[in-house]
Protein backbone atom coordinates (compact mmCIF):
# COMPACT_ATOMS: atom_id res chain seq x y z
CA MET A 1 -35.97 8.85 -7.68
CA ASP A 2 -33.56 9.12 -10.57
CA LYS A 3 -29.92 8.31 -10.17
CA GLU A 4 -29.05 11.95 -10.75
CA ASN A 5 -31.37 13.14 -7.96
CA LYS A 6 -30.44 10.41 -5.52
CA PRO A 7 -29.33 11.91 -2.22
CA LYS A 8 -25.77 11.11 -1.21
CA LYS A 9 -25.10 9.09 1.87
CA PRO A 10 -23.54 11.08 4.68
CA GLU A 11 -19.80 10.63 4.97
CA LYS A 12 -18.63 8.41 7.79
CA PRO A 13 -15.27 9.76 8.98
CA LEU A 14 -14.57 6.61 10.99
CA ASN A 15 -15.04 4.48 7.87
CA ASN A 16 -12.58 6.66 5.95
CA TYR A 17 -10.13 6.54 8.85
CA ALA A 18 -10.28 2.74 8.91
CA ARG A 19 -9.89 2.52 5.14
CA PHE A 20 -6.82 4.74 4.97
CA SER A 21 -5.17 3.31 8.05
CA GLY A 22 -5.58 -0.10 6.42
CA ILE A 23 -3.75 1.21 3.37
CA ALA A 24 -0.91 2.49 5.57
CA ILE A 25 -0.64 -0.85 7.37
CA GLN A 26 -0.57 -2.68 4.04
CA MET A 27 2.24 -0.41 2.83
CA PHE A 28 4.21 -1.02 6.02
CA VAL A 29 3.82 -4.80 5.65
CA ILE A 30 4.86 -4.83 1.97
CA ILE A 31 7.96 -2.73 2.67
CA GLY A 32 8.82 -4.76 5.77
CA ILE A 33 8.56 -8.11 3.99
CA GLY A 34 10.60 -6.90 1.01
CA THR A 35 13.35 -5.55 3.24
CA PHE A 36 13.36 -8.65 5.46
CA VAL A 37 13.71 -10.96 2.45
CA GLY A 38 16.53 -8.78 1.11
CA VAL A 39 18.40 -8.92 4.41
CA LYS A 40 17.99 -12.70 4.61
CA LEU A 41 19.24 -13.11 1.02
CA ASP A 42 22.26 -10.92 1.79
CA GLU A 43 23.01 -13.10 4.82
CA LYS A 44 22.75 -16.28 2.75
CA PHE A 45 24.55 -14.92 -0.33
CA PRO A 46 26.96 -12.23 0.94
CA ASN A 47 28.05 -9.51 -1.44
CA LYS A 48 30.00 -6.28 -1.17
CA HIS A 49 27.14 -3.76 -1.32
CA ASN A 50 24.12 -5.63 0.13
CA LEU A 51 22.47 -5.55 -3.26
CA TYR A 52 19.58 -7.84 -2.37
CA THR A 53 18.52 -5.55 0.46
CA LEU A 54 18.83 -2.45 -1.71
CA VAL A 55 16.96 -3.87 -4.68
CA LEU A 56 14.19 -5.59 -2.73
CA SER A 57 13.61 -2.68 -0.35
CA LEU A 58 13.39 -0.21 -3.24
CA SER A 59 11.14 -2.57 -5.20
CA SER A 60 8.87 -3.08 -2.21
CA VAL A 61 8.55 0.70 -1.69
CA ILE A 62 7.54 1.13 -5.33
CA LEU A 63 5.10 -1.79 -5.07
CA ALA A 64 3.59 -0.36 -1.88
CA ILE A 65 3.10 3.08 -3.45
CA VAL A 66 1.49 1.61 -6.57
CA SER A 67 -0.77 -0.57 -4.44
CA ALA A 68 -1.81 2.39 -2.28
CA ILE A 69 -2.56 4.56 -5.30
CA ARG A 70 -4.70 1.82 -6.85
CA ARG A 71 -6.66 1.36 -3.61
CA ILE A 72 -7.21 5.10 -3.22
CA ILE A 73 -8.42 5.41 -6.82
CA ALA A 74 -10.76 2.43 -6.34
CA ALA A 75 -12.07 3.94 -3.10
CA SER A 76 -12.74 7.28 -4.75
CA LYS A 77 -14.65 5.56 -7.56
CA ASP A 78 -16.73 3.68 -4.98
CA ASP A 79 -17.60 6.93 -3.22
CA THR A 80 -19.02 8.55 -6.34
């Protein structure tokens, strides 16, 4: 059979569920670690506005979103 006429594999909803729940867990871990490190830095180096927590938590949210988007794009390329 040619590649164009190759039948597609049936979708496995459980596989997709596991893949996307893994992405959510990874996002949670990245955000949690970033925020935890920020809190610890603010405890060690006190400042007026808790800047370490603000900067690291915001940075970790951005990093988690970028990471999730990259994994979703890679997963969609693998499916095709």
